[in-house]
Amino acid sequence: MLTRHLTKRCPGVVAVIIRISLIAALANWPSTFAAAAENLYQAQTIVTGQGEANRIIGFADCLEDVLIKVSGALELQSDPRLDAYKSHSADFVSAYRYHDQMSGKPKHDEQGTRDRPYDLIVDFNDKKINDVLNSLGVKPWLARRPILGVLVEMEQGSRQYVVTSDAKQSDLQRDSLLAAALKRGMMIVLPDVAALTKASINAAELLTTPSATLASVAADRGGEVALVGRLAWDESELGWATEWRMDWNGRMHRWQLRGVTFDEAFRRGIGGAARILSGNGDPG
């Protein structure tokens, strides 16, 4: 069973799995993300067991991810033109390996072997991936990628806060943003509480704060482009209504989506920024 299936059935389980998977990344920040940004032809997904059937499904999921990651073309997500390539995704794989998410824990009966969760980490042949992109009319984005300074407001009922690098209440969202950045081949930085206080930035006024102020806060953390977002919980849709903005090359880009998990919202936010920066146009 892969991440997308778990998301539909057990979103809390996925959040825990992502959190566990990122512990090592957080310990080595930012070197982990620098390495990930350079390794554009690698992707990973979660599978159950090491059987061939799940591995082939995992290869297909990773193929889509790596095509988006290498090109910055978020519009390739769920593109039906990829189906033909996914059907023989193993042909594009140069190497793969597993990471046992329950490493160190004893195996119990069949659940310990067949149902044990693994990270399937897949390396793809760069020339073959570039050829696929060319056939789709998309170019690889191999230039240096700007570091995103991400500022996101979360609003759920009476709770409002900005996701930071150090506040406990931001733990799940912070981990999810880092996972989204790794997935899209981007490096990100987040503000800390002190920086927001110094700049007099609060959650309720984040989207109306002047771009220059937000860019300055991002720059203090090493961010070169400020990506600003707002996620508001919509009880009627049981999902997050999201809006994003990014000032790039003298133009303000904006995009929205509704009724999604915050994991998907962050993937679409960072993926949308990558689409703009790579020259693939505005997010839909």
Protein backbone atom coordinates (compact mmCIF):
# COMPACT_ATOMS: atom_id res chain seq x y z
CA MET A 1 0.00 0.00 0.00
CA LEU A 2 1.39 3.37 -1.00
CA THR A 3 1.20 6.83 0.49
CA ARG A 4 -1.72 8.00 -1.65
CA HIS A 5 -3.82 5.05 -0.49
CA LEU A 6 -2.95 5.71 3.13
CA THR A 7 -3.81 9.38 2.71
CA LYS A 8 -7.36 8.51 1.73
CA ARG A 9 -7.89 6.01 4.51
CA CYS A 10 -5.61 7.04 7.36
CA PRO A 11 -4.28 10.62 7.02
CA GLY A 12 -3.03 10.54 10.61
CA VAL A 13 -0.89 7.48 9.85
CA VAL A 14 0.70 9.27 6.91
CA ALA A 15 1.55 12.27 9.09
CA VAL A 16 3.29 9.97 11.58
CA ILE A 17 5.17 8.15 8.81
CA ILE A 18 6.35 11.41 7.25
CA ARG A 19 7.42 12.66 10.67
CA ILE A 20 9.48 9.53 11.34
CA SER A 21 11.05 9.64 7.88
CA LEU A 22 12.21 13.25 8.38
CA ILE A 23 13.95 12.84 11.73
CA ALA A 24 17.31 12.18 10.06
CA ALA A 25 16.77 15.04 7.62
CA LEU A 26 16.06 17.49 10.41
CA ALA A 27 19.17 16.41 12.28
CA ASN A 28 21.33 17.25 9.28
CA TRP A 29 19.61 20.42 8.12
CA PRO A 30 20.51 22.09 5.79
CA SER A 31 23.07 19.68 4.28
CA THR A 32 20.39 17.04 3.71
CA PHE A 33 18.38 19.43 1.59
CA ALA A 34 21.36 20.68 -0.37
CA ALA A 35 22.12 17.08 -1.30
CA ALA A 36 18.47 16.41 -2.17
CA ALA A 37 18.30 19.47 -4.39
CA GLU A 38 21.33 18.25 -6.31
CA ASN A 39 20.02 14.69 -6.62
CA LEU A 40 17.12 15.52 -8.92
CA TYR A 41 16.91 12.08 -10.48
CA GLN A 42 16.00 10.31 -7.23
CA ALA A 43 12.53 9.89 -5.75
CA GLN A 44 10.98 7.83 -3.00
CA THR A 45 7.63 6.51 -1.87
CA ILE A 46 6.25 4.28 0.86
CA VAL A 47 5.49 0.64 0.11
CA THR A 48 4.39 -2.33 2.17
CA GLY A 49 6.90 -5.18 2.09
CA GLN A 50 9.51 -5.77 -0.59
CA GLY A 51 7.39 -7.75 -3.03
CA GLU A 52 7.66 -7.12 -6.76
CA ALA A 53 4.03 -6.06 -7.24
CA ASN A 54 4.28 -3.16 -4.78
CA ARG A 55 7.74 -2.30 -6.04
CA ILE A 56 6.46 -1.87 -9.62
CA ILE A 57 3.64 0.38 -8.39
CA GLY A 58 6.22 2.32 -6.39
CA PHE A 59 8.42 2.72 -9.48
CA ALA A 60 5.47 4.24 -11.37
CA ASP A 61 4.72 6.72 -8.58
CA CYS A 62 8.38 7.68 -8.33
CA LEU A 63 8.63 8.13 -12.10
CA GLU A 64 5.91 10.79 -12.04
CA ASP A 65 7.56 12.49 -9.07
CA VAL A 66 11.00 12.57 -10.65
CA LEU A 67 9.67 13.96 -13.95
CA ILE A 68 8.06 16.83 -12.02
CA LYS A 69 11.11 17.24 -9.80
CA VAL A 70 13.60 17.43 -12.67
CA SER A 71 11.50 19.80 -14.79
CA GLY A 72 9.60 21.86 -12.24
CA ALA A 73 6.53 21.20 -14.43
CA LEU A 74 3.83 20.63 -11.84
CA GLU A 75 1.29 20.27 -14.65
CA LEU A 76 2.64 16.76 -15.25
CA GLN A 77 0.93 15.61 -12.03
CA SER A 78 -1.68 12.99 -13.05
CA ASP A 79 -1.04 13.79 -16.72
CA PRO A 80 -2.55 10.87 -18.73
CA ARG A 81 0.37 11.06 -21.15
CA LEU A 82 2.53 9.53 -18.40
CA ASP A 83 0.49 6.31 -18.29
CA ALA A 84 2.43 4.73 -21.16
CA TYR A 85 5.75 5.42 -19.44
CA LYS A 86 4.48 4.28 -16.04
CA SER A 87 3.48 0.92 -17.51
CA HIS A 88 7.16 0.10 -17.98
CA SER A 89 8.65 2.41 -15.34
CA ALA A 90 11.27 -0.18 -14.37
CA ASP A 91 13.01 0.48 -17.70
CA PHE A 92 13.98 3.94 -16.45
CA VAL A 93 15.37 2.78 -13.09
CA SER A 94 19.12 2.58 -12.60
CA ALA A 95 19.06 1.47 -8.93
CA TYR A 96 16.74 1.13 -5.96
CA ARG A 97 16.92 0.34 -2.29
CA TYR A 98 14.69 0.00 0.75
CA HIS A 99 14.76 1.70 4.12
CA ASP A 100 12.89 -0.16 6.85
CA GLN A 101 10.77 2.39 8.72
CA MET A 102 10.55 -0.01 11.65
CA SER A 103 14.26 -0.74 11.77
CA GLY A 104 15.26 -2.05 15.18
CA LYS A 105 11.76 -3.24 16.03
CA PRO A 106 11.13 -7.01 16.18
CA LYS A 107 9.08 -8.66 13.46
CA HIS A 108 5.78 -10.22 14.53
CA ASP A 109 4.33 -13.07 12.46
CA GLU A 110 3.28 -12.22 8.89
CA GLN A 111 2.86 -8.52 9.69
CA GLY A 112 6.59 -8.30 10.27
CA THR A 113 7.44 -9.28 6.72
CA ARG A 114 4.59 -8.80 4.27
CA ASP A 115 3.00 -5.74 5.89
CA ARG A 116 6.12 -3.95 7.13
CA PRO A 117 6.39 -0.34 5.80
CA TYR A 118 9.46 0.60 3.79
CA ASP A 119 10.74 3.69 2.04
CA LEU A 120 11.42 2.66 -1.55
CA ILE A 121 14.23 4.93 -2.78
CA VAL A 122 14.63 4.93 -6.56
CA ASP A 123 17.43 6.33 -8.73
CA PHE A 124 16.52 6.98 -12.36
CA ASN A 125 18.71 7.15 -15.44
CA ASP A 126 19.14 10.86 -16.12
CA LYS A 127 19.38 10.55 -19.91
CA LYS A 128 16.22 8.44 -20.10
CA ILE A 129 14.32 10.88 -17.89
CA ASN A 130 15.49 13.82 -20.00
CA ASP A 131 14.35 11.97 -23.13
CA VAL A 132 10.88 11.43 -21.64
CA LEU A 133 10.63 15.10 -20.75
CA ASN A 134 11.66 16.10 -24.26
CA SER A 135 9.00 13.80 -25.70
CA LEU A 136 6.44 15.59 -23.51
CA GLY A 137 7.62 19.00 -24.68
CA VAL A 138 9.14 19.90 -21.30
CA LYS A 139 12.76 20.82 -20.57
CA PRO A 140 14.84 19.65 -17.60
CA TRP A 141 15.40 22.46 -15.09
CA LEU A 142 19.09 22.02 -14.36
CA ALA A 143 19.99 25.59 -13.43
CA ARG A 144 20.66 26.54 -9.81
CA ARG A 145 17.39 26.73 -7.89
CA PRO A 146 16.67 29.69 -5.60
CA ILE A 147 16.13 28.96 -1.90
CA LEU A 148 12.52 29.56 -0.91
CA GLY A 149 11.77 31.45 2.28
CA VAL A 150 8.36 30.01 3.18
CA LEU A 151 5.91 31.90 5.40
CA VAL A 152 2.59 30.15 5.98
CA GLU A 153 -0.39 31.09 8.12
CA MET A 154 -2.53 28.27 9.55
CA GLU A 155 -6.10 29.07 10.59
CA GLN A 156 -8.42 26.54 12.22
CA GLY A 157 -11.29 28.00 14.20
CA SER A 158 -9.89 30.43 16.73
CA ARG A 159 -6.34 29.15 16.26
CA GLN A 160 -4.06 31.21 14.04
CA TYR A 161 -0.29 30.92 13.80
CA VAL A 162 2.60 31.15 11.35
CA VAL A 163 4.59 27.98 10.76
CA THR A 164 8.07 28.50 12.21
CA SER A 165 11.29 26.59 12.55
CA ASP A 166 11.12 26.42 16.33
CA ALA A 167 7.54 26.57 17.71
CA LYS A 168 6.07 23.31 19.01
CA GLN A 169 2.64 24.00 17.50
CA SER A 170 4.25 24.03 14.04
CA ASP A 171 5.79 20.56 14.31
CA LEU A 172 3.50 18.68 11.90
CA GLN A 173 3.29 21.48 9.35
CA ARG A 174 7.04 22.08 9.47
CA ASP A 175 7.77 18.42 8.79
CA SER A 176 5.21 18.38 5.98
CA LEU A 177 6.76 21.44 4.34
CA LEU A 178 10.20 19.84 4.46
CA ALA A 179 8.79 16.66 2.89
CA ALA A 180 7.15 18.71 0.13
CA ALA A 181 10.42 20.52 -0.55
CA LEU A 182 12.33 17.25 -0.84
CA LYS A 183 9.68 15.86 -3.18
CA ARG A 184 9.96 18.84 -5.53
CA GLY A 185 13.73 19.24 -5.36
CA MET A 186 13.64 22.63 -3.62
CA MET A 187 15.49 24.03 -0.64
CA ILE A 188 13.39 25.98 1.86
CA VAL A 189 13.94 27.98 5.03
CA LEU A 190 11.37 28.94 7.65
CA PRO A 191 11.29 31.96 9.98
CA ASP A 192 11.74 31.51 13.71
CA VAL A 193 9.50 33.09 16.34
CA ALA A 194 12.06 35.77 17.16
CA ALA A 195 12.29 36.92 13.53
CA LEU A 196 8.51 37.27 13.25
CA THR A 197 8.36 39.21 16.51
CA LYS A 198 11.18 41.52 15.44
CA ALA A 199 9.41 42.27 12.14
CA SER A 200 6.01 42.70 13.89
CA ILE A 201 4.47 39.96 11.73
CA ASN A 202 1.46 38.07 13.04
CA ALA A 203 -0.70 35.37 11.49
CA ALA A 204 -3.81 37.49 10.96
CA GLU A 205 -1.91 40.07 8.91
CA LEU A 206 0.56 37.83 7.07
CA LEU A 207 -1.03 38.12 3.61
CA THR A 208 -1.34 41.90 3.91
CA THR A 209 2.23 42.40 5.10
CA PRO A 210 4.30 44.24 2.45
CA SER A 211 6.31 41.95 0.21
CA ALA A 212 9.50 43.81 1.04
CA THR A 213 9.08 43.04 4.75
CA LEU A 214 8.47 39.34 4.09
CA ALA A 215 11.39 39.17 1.66
CA SER A 216 13.63 40.71 4.34
CA VAL A 217 12.57 38.10 6.92
CA ALA A 218 13.18 35.31 4.38
CA ALA A 219 16.57 36.75 3.44
CA ASP A 220 17.70 36.80 7.07
CA ARG A 221 17.30 33.01 7.06
CA GLY A 222 18.97 32.54 3.67
CA GLY A 223 15.82 32.63 1.55
CA GLU A 224 16.15 34.22 -1.87
CA VAL A 225 12.47 34.24 -2.82
CA ALA A 226 9.55 34.61 -0.38
CA LEU A 227 6.68 32.16 -0.82
CA VAL A 228 3.66 33.21 1.26
CA GLY A 229 0.63 31.05 1.97
CA ARG A 230 -2.55 30.86 4.00
CA LEU A 231 -4.37 27.66 4.92
CA ALA A 232 -7.85 27.98 6.46
CA TRP A 233 -9.78 24.91 7.61
CA ASP A 234 -13.16 24.53 5.88
CA GLU A 235 -15.43 22.29 7.95
CA SER A 236 -17.95 21.91 5.13
CA GLU A 237 -15.30 20.47 2.82
CA LEU A 238 -13.30 18.73 5.54
CA GLY A 239 -10.20 20.18 3.98
CA TRP A 240 -8.02 23.28 3.78
CA ALA A 241 -8.79 26.29 1.62
CA THR A 242 -5.40 27.58 0.53
CA GLU A 243 -3.99 30.61 -1.22
CA TRP A 244 -0.42 31.29 -2.23
CA ARG A 245 1.51 34.27 -3.51
CA MET A 246 5.07 34.82 -4.71
CA ASP A 247 6.71 37.97 -6.04
CA TRP A 248 9.09 37.00 -8.83
CA ASN A 249 10.72 39.13 -11.54
CA GLY A 250 8.58 42.13 -10.70
CA ARG A 251 5.27 40.28 -10.88
CA MET A 252 3.00 38.95 -8.15
CA HIS A 253 1.90 35.36 -8.84
CA ARG A 254 -1.16 33.99 -7.02
CA TRP A 255 -2.84 30.59 -6.96
CA GLN A 256 -5.48 28.80 -4.88
CA LEU A 257 -7.01 25.39 -4.18
CA ARG A 258 -9.59 24.01 -1.78
CA GLY A 259 -10.59 20.88 0.08
CA VAL A 260 -7.13 19.32 0.43
CA THR A 261 -4.93 18.02 3.25
CA PHE A 262 -2.20 20.37 4.39
CA ASP A 263 0.33 17.87 3.01
CA GLU A 264 -1.15 18.29 -0.48
CA ALA A 265 -1.50 22.04 0.02
CA PHE A 266 2.22 22.32 0.78
CA ARG A 267 3.15 20.11 -2.18
CA ARG A 268 1.06 22.33 -4.45
CA GLY A 269 2.44 25.50 -2.90
CA ILE A 270 6.10 24.57 -3.28
CA GLY A 271 5.40 22.81 -6.56
CA GLY A 272 3.68 25.94 -7.85
CA ALA A 273 6.69 28.03 -6.89
CA ALA A 274 8.97 25.57 -8.70
CA ARG A 275 6.75 25.77 -11.78
CA ILE A 276 7.05 29.57 -11.86
CA LEU A 277 10.79 29.63 -11.18
CA SER A 278 11.49 26.98 -13.81
CA GLY A 279 9.69 28.99 -16.50
CA ASN A 280 6.80 26.56 -16.91
CA GLY A 281 4.14 29.21 -16.28
CA ASP A 282 1.68 29.99 -13.52
CA PRO A 283 0.14 27.20 -11.44
CA GLY A 284 -3.36 26.25 -12.49
